[in-house]
Protein backbone atom coordinates (compact mmCIF):
# COMPACT_ATOMS: atom_id res chain seq x y z
CA MET A 1 5.93 -4.33 39.59
CA VAL A 2 5.90 -4.10 35.77
CA CYS A 3 9.11 -6.15 35.68
CA LEU A 4 7.55 -8.82 37.89
CA TYR A 5 4.49 -8.94 35.64
CA GLU A 6 6.61 -9.21 32.49
CA ALA A 7 8.88 -11.88 33.99
CA SER A 8 5.88 -14.06 34.91
CA TYR A 9 5.22 -14.67 31.20
CA LEU A 10 8.51 -16.55 30.88
CA CYS A 11 7.06 -19.42 32.91
CA VAL A 12 6.67 -22.95 31.59
CA GLN A 13 4.03 -25.52 32.43
CA GLY A 14 3.83 -26.43 36.10
CA GLU A 15 5.29 -23.18 37.48
CA SER A 16 2.32 -22.13 39.60
CA THR A 17 4.40 -19.60 41.56
CA SER A 18 4.91 -17.54 38.39
CA GLU A 19 1.17 -17.57 37.71
CA GLN A 20 0.48 -16.37 41.26
CA ALA A 21 3.08 -13.62 40.81
CA ARG A 22 1.37 -12.58 37.56
CA ASP A 23 -2.05 -12.34 39.23
CA PHE A 24 -0.54 -10.37 42.12
CA ALA A 25 1.26 -7.94 39.80
CA HIS A 26 -1.77 -7.56 37.54
CA ARG A 27 -4.02 -6.56 40.45
CA HIS A 28 -1.56 -3.98 41.77
CA LEU A 29 -0.85 -2.52 38.33
CA GLU A 30 -4.57 -2.05 37.68
CA LYS A 31 -4.96 -0.38 41.08
CA GLY A 32 -2.03 1.87 40.25
CA LEU A 33 -3.73 3.01 37.05
CA GLU A 34 -6.73 4.12 39.11
CA GLN A 35 -4.49 6.48 41.04
CA ASN A 36 -2.69 9.59 39.80
CA ILE A 37 0.55 7.94 38.72
CA ASP A 38 3.06 9.50 36.31
CA GLN A 39 1.63 9.69 32.77
CA ASN A 40 4.66 8.05 31.15
CA LEU A 41 4.55 5.22 33.65
CA ALA A 42 0.84 4.78 33.00
CA ILE A 43 1.57 4.40 29.27
CA GLU A 44 4.09 1.63 30.00
CA VAL A 45 1.73 -0.14 32.42
CA ASN A 46 -1.16 -0.09 29.94
CA HIS A 47 1.17 -1.37 27.23
CA ALA A 48 2.32 -4.27 29.41
CA LEU A 49 -1.23 -5.19 30.44
CA GLU A 50 -2.37 -5.18 26.81
CA LEU A 51 0.32 -7.68 25.77
CA PRO A 52 3.50 -8.76 27.60
CA LEU A 53 6.90 -7.93 26.19
CA HIS A 54 7.74 -11.61 25.67
CA TRP A 55 4.82 -11.98 23.26
CA ARG A 56 5.63 -8.90 21.18
CA MET A 57 7.68 -8.52 18.00
CA PRO A 58 11.08 -7.12 19.08
CA ARG A 59 11.61 -4.56 16.30
CA LEU A 60 8.09 -3.11 16.63
CA GLU A 61 8.60 -2.97 20.38
CA ALA A 62 11.88 -1.12 19.86
CA ARG A 63 10.08 1.48 17.73
CA TRP A 64 7.35 1.88 20.37
CA PHE A 65 9.84 2.26 23.23
CA ILE A 66 11.93 4.84 21.36
CA GLU A 67 8.85 7.04 20.98
CA VAL A 68 7.85 6.57 24.64
CA TYR A 69 11.39 7.06 26.00
CA GLU A 70 11.76 10.30 24.04
CA LYS A 71 8.97 11.88 26.11
CA ARG A 72 10.54 11.07 29.47
CA GLN A 73 12.04 13.90 31.49
CA ASP A 74 15.09 11.79 32.38
CA MET A 75 15.81 10.58 28.84
CA ASN A 76 19.44 10.47 27.73
CA PRO A 77 19.65 12.27 24.35
CA ILE A 78 22.83 10.46 23.29
CA LEU A 79 21.38 7.04 24.10
CA LEU A 80 18.16 8.01 22.31
CA GLU A 81 20.05 9.12 19.20
CA PHE A 82 21.96 5.82 19.08
CA ALA A 83 18.68 3.90 19.42
CA LYS A 84 17.15 5.84 16.52
CA LEU A 85 20.25 5.33 14.41
CA ASP A 86 20.20 1.59 15.10
CA PHE A 87 16.50 1.30 14.21
CA ASN A 88 16.91 3.23 10.95
CA MET A 89 19.96 1.20 9.92
CA VAL A 90 18.12 -2.09 10.46
CA GLN A 91 15.08 -0.68 8.65
CA ALA A 92 17.29 0.22 5.67
CA THR A 93 18.47 -3.41 5.55
CA HIS A 94 14.86 -4.61 5.61
CA GLN A 95 14.02 -2.22 2.78
CA GLU A 96 16.84 -3.61 0.65
CA ASP A 97 15.61 -7.14 1.31
CA LEU A 98 12.08 -6.03 0.46
CA ARG A 99 13.27 -4.65 -2.89
CA HIS A 100 14.70 -8.08 -3.78
CA VAL A 101 11.50 -9.84 -2.68
CA SER A 102 9.40 -7.35 -4.63
CA SER A 103 11.48 -7.95 -7.75
CA TRP A 104 11.06 -11.71 -7.35
CA TRP A 105 7.29 -11.35 -6.83
CA ARG A 106 6.90 -9.23 -9.98
CA SER A 107 8.91 -11.81 -11.95
CA THR A 108 6.38 -14.53 -11.06
CA ARG A 109 3.54 -12.35 -12.49
CA LEU A 110 1.15 -14.09 -10.12
CA GLY A 111 -0.22 -10.77 -8.86
CA GLU A 112 -1.49 -9.86 -12.33
CA LYS A 113 -2.38 -13.36 -13.54
CA LEU A 114 -4.32 -14.43 -10.44
CA ASN A 115 -6.32 -11.27 -9.79
CA PHE A 116 -8.65 -13.07 -7.34
CA ALA A 117 -5.80 -13.72 -4.88
CA ARG A 118 -4.72 -11.36 -2.12
CA ASP A 119 -1.66 -9.31 -3.03
CA ARG A 120 -0.08 -8.83 0.42
CA LEU A 121 3.65 -8.69 -0.26
CA MET A 122 4.40 -6.16 2.49
CA GLU A 123 2.54 -8.10 5.19
CA ASN A 124 3.97 -11.41 3.99
CA PHE A 125 7.48 -9.97 4.22
CA LEU A 126 7.03 -9.82 8.00
CA TRP A 127 6.54 -13.60 8.02
CA THR A 128 9.37 -14.18 5.53
CA VAL A 129 7.93 -15.49 2.23
CA ILE A 130 4.43 -16.97 2.72
CA THR A 131 2.91 -15.30 -0.32
CA PHE A 132 2.18 -18.68 -1.91
CA ILE A 133 0.24 -19.80 1.14
CA ASN A 134 -2.01 -16.77 0.63
CA ILE A 135 -2.62 -17.67 -3.01
CA ILE A 136 -3.36 -21.32 -2.28
CA ASP A 137 -5.68 -20.26 0.54
CA ASP A 138 -7.57 -17.99 -1.86
CA ILE A 139 -7.76 -20.74 -4.48
CA TYR A 140 -9.35 -23.00 -1.87
CA ASP A 141 -11.67 -20.37 -0.40
CA VAL A 142 -12.61 -18.23 -3.39
CA TYR A 143 -11.84 -19.53 -6.83
CA GLY A 144 -11.28 -23.27 -7.27
CA THR A 145 -14.02 -25.81 -7.98
CA LEU A 146 -14.26 -28.95 -5.86
CA ASP A 147 -12.87 -31.17 -8.65
CA GLU A 148 -9.95 -28.79 -9.25
CA LEU A 149 -9.14 -28.61 -5.55
CA GLU A 150 -9.09 -32.39 -5.23
CA LEU A 151 -6.54 -32.55 -8.06
CA LEU A 152 -4.38 -29.86 -6.48
CA GLN A 153 -4.52 -31.52 -3.06
CA MET A 154 -3.03 -34.75 -4.41
CA LEU A 155 -0.39 -33.11 -6.59
CA TRP A 156 3.31 -32.66 -6.00
CA ASP A 157 4.51 -34.33 -9.20
CA ILE A 158 5.36 -31.85 -11.94
CA ASN A 159 4.70 -34.54 -14.55
CA ALA A 160 1.10 -34.95 -13.37
CA MET A 161 -0.06 -31.35 -13.70
CA ASP A 162 -1.80 -31.66 -17.10
CA PRO A 163 -5.34 -32.07 -15.64
CA LEU A 164 -5.05 -28.75 -13.77
CA PRO A 165 -6.63 -25.58 -15.21
CA GLU A 166 -4.22 -22.90 -16.46
CA TYR A 167 -4.41 -20.67 -13.37
CA MET A 168 -3.54 -23.64 -11.13
CA LYS A 169 -0.65 -24.66 -13.38
CA LEU A 170 0.77 -21.17 -13.08
CA CYS A 171 0.46 -21.18 -9.30
CA PHE A 172 1.75 -24.74 -8.97
CA LEU A 173 4.85 -24.16 -11.12
CA ALA A 174 5.73 -20.95 -9.28
CA LEU A 175 5.31 -22.73 -5.93
CA TYR A 176 7.21 -25.80 -7.14
CA ASN A 177 10.17 -23.80 -8.47
CA SER A 178 10.39 -21.47 -5.45
CA THR A 179 10.08 -24.33 -2.96
CA ASN A 180 12.87 -26.30 -4.61
CA GLU A 181 15.05 -23.20 -4.82
CA MET A 182 14.58 -22.53 -1.09
CA THR A 183 15.25 -26.21 -0.35
CA TYR A 184 18.47 -26.11 -2.38
CA ASP A 185 19.68 -22.94 -0.62
CA ALA A 186 18.90 -24.39 2.83
CA LEU A 187 20.74 -27.61 2.01
CA LYS A 188 23.71 -25.84 0.45
CA GLU A 189 24.14 -23.12 3.10
CA HIS A 190 22.96 -24.89 6.29
CA GLY A 191 22.90 -28.61 5.55
CA LEU A 192 19.13 -28.75 6.21
CA HIS A 193 16.69 -30.78 4.09
CA ILE A 194 13.40 -28.88 4.42
CA ILE A 195 11.39 -30.00 1.39
CA PHE A 196 8.84 -31.96 3.44
CA ILE A 197 8.23 -28.98 5.73
CA LEU A 198 7.66 -26.63 2.79
CA GLU A 199 5.30 -29.06 1.08
CA LYS A 200 2.82 -29.01 3.98
CA ARG A 201 -0.12 -26.74 3.27
CA GLY A 202 -3.83 -26.49 4.02
CA ASP A 203 -6.61 -24.35 5.41
CA VAL A 204 -6.77 -23.48 9.11
CA PRO A 205 -10.30 -22.85 10.37
CA LYS A 206 -10.96 -19.76 12.47
CA SER A 207 -10.52 -20.89 16.07
CA ILE A 208 -13.12 -18.60 17.66
CA GLN A 209 -15.87 -19.54 15.20
CA CYS A 210 -15.01 -23.24 15.58
CA TYR A 211 -15.27 -23.11 19.37
CA MET A 212 -18.55 -21.20 19.19
CA TYR A 213 -19.95 -23.82 16.80
CA GLU A 214 -18.71 -26.80 18.79
CA SER A 215 -19.62 -25.60 22.29
CA GLY A 216 -22.48 -23.17 21.73
CA ALA A 217 -20.48 -20.47 23.55
CA SER A 218 -20.95 -16.75 22.94
CA GLU A 219 -18.26 -14.79 21.07
CA GLU A 220 -17.02 -13.25 24.33
CA GLU A 221 -16.76 -16.69 25.97
CA ALA A 222 -15.00 -18.09 22.92
CA ARG A 223 -12.47 -15.24 22.93
CA LYS A 224 -11.71 -15.85 26.62
CA HIS A 225 -11.24 -19.55 25.93
CA VAL A 226 -8.93 -18.93 22.98
CA SER A 227 -6.95 -16.40 25.07
CA TYR A 228 -6.50 -19.09 27.72
CA LEU A 229 -5.31 -21.56 25.06
CA ILE A 230 -2.84 -18.99 23.72
CA GLY A 231 -1.41 -18.44 27.19
CA ASP A 232 -1.17 -22.19 27.79
CA THR A 233 0.53 -22.71 24.43
CA TRP A 234 3.08 -19.99 25.21
CA LYS A 235 4.08 -21.94 28.34
CA LYS A 236 4.92 -24.90 26.11
CA LEU A 237 6.75 -22.71 23.60
CA ASN A 238 8.76 -21.05 26.38
CA GLU A 239 10.52 -24.37 26.92
CA ASP A 240 11.97 -24.32 23.40
CA GLY A 241 11.74 -20.69 22.26
CA ALA A 242 9.17 -19.24 19.83
CA VAL A 243 8.47 -16.64 17.16
CA GLU A 244 6.20 -13.71 18.06
CA MET A 245 5.05 -12.92 14.53
CA ALA A 246 1.75 -14.81 14.68
CA GLN A 247 0.82 -13.12 17.95
CA CYS A 248 1.59 -9.72 16.42
CA MET A 249 -0.38 -10.37 13.23
CA TYR A 250 -3.52 -11.72 14.91
CA GLN A 251 -3.51 -9.68 18.15
CA HIS A 252 -6.42 -7.48 17.05
CA GLY A 253 -8.18 -10.00 14.79
CA ASP A 254 -7.32 -11.15 11.28
CA GLY A 255 -4.45 -8.77 10.69
CA HIS A 256 -3.29 -10.77 7.71
CA GLY A 257 -6.50 -11.21 5.76
CA ILE A 258 -7.75 -7.64 6.32
CA GLU A 259 -5.82 -5.07 4.31
CA TYR A 260 -6.14 -2.01 6.55
CA GLY A 261 -5.92 -1.23 10.26
CA GLU A 262 -3.34 -2.14 12.88
CA THR A 263 -1.30 -4.37 10.59
CA LYS A 264 -0.87 -1.65 7.96
CA ASP A 265 0.32 0.80 10.63
CA ARG A 266 2.81 -1.75 11.94
CA VAL A 267 4.15 -2.52 8.46
CA LEU A 268 4.67 1.18 7.77
CA SER A 269 6.31 1.69 11.16
CA LEU A 270 8.66 -1.24 10.75
CA LEU A 271 9.56 -1.11 7.04
CA VAL A 272 8.76 2.32 5.62
CA GLU A 273 8.80 5.23 8.07
CA PRO A 274 12.19 5.98 9.68
CA VAL A 275 12.51 7.37 13.18
CA ARG A 276 13.31 11.09 13.05
CA SER A 277 16.65 11.91 14.65
CA LEU A 278 16.97 14.67 17.23
CA SER A 279 19.09 16.73 14.83
CA SER A 280 16.31 16.76 12.19
CA GLU A 281 13.60 17.94 14.61
């Protein structure tokens, strides 16, 4: 029944049978939780009902399943040890990449020069490098004056940066140099010209607050509406494939803007804390 429920989230628009199968499986899984089912199975059912596998970040899900599988009576210790070894090896690769990113971030000196901006290198690493988007967002929301922001909005010419204040020049040059470096690497290695994609930036309003303001709905109603929109959008994305990172980061609220909580635990689990092998326990 869990497999049927999970599979229903692979549907695309117009597949009403999959939606009916999801509703059917959801009802029976909830009824099963009300009965005295196996504790390990109950953990998996609750996990699936909270968020389907297809919407989750694969490496975090691997970490979660390793810890759940280890508690099962029928677990295979050899298979478990291989799973832990695989996770730790991939984590070590991520840590090496993170060291390079950290070195690059320190070399920009933006963290110390722009002390009003969020310093979220670890969280940003999960999204690849979106550190500059954070800084620009904070310039727009926290620090910049209206006149300064209008100048920045129109600017992508390095020869026209003189009117900007010093802190904006620093941010702009770092963004300009890094964007062109990434564009060069993408063109050289993959034959892709991505400069126009990287140049797009802006502020995205909070969807729940916007819907509440526009419709007069309560917060609970707005959350239900946004959840429906997320599900509908996933149907469209299923046709082409999608990245689960945004769903992971914002599952429990603003996991990117808020420093502590679920996001911090996930970052530590994915990038810092290795899985203990059976031989070390």
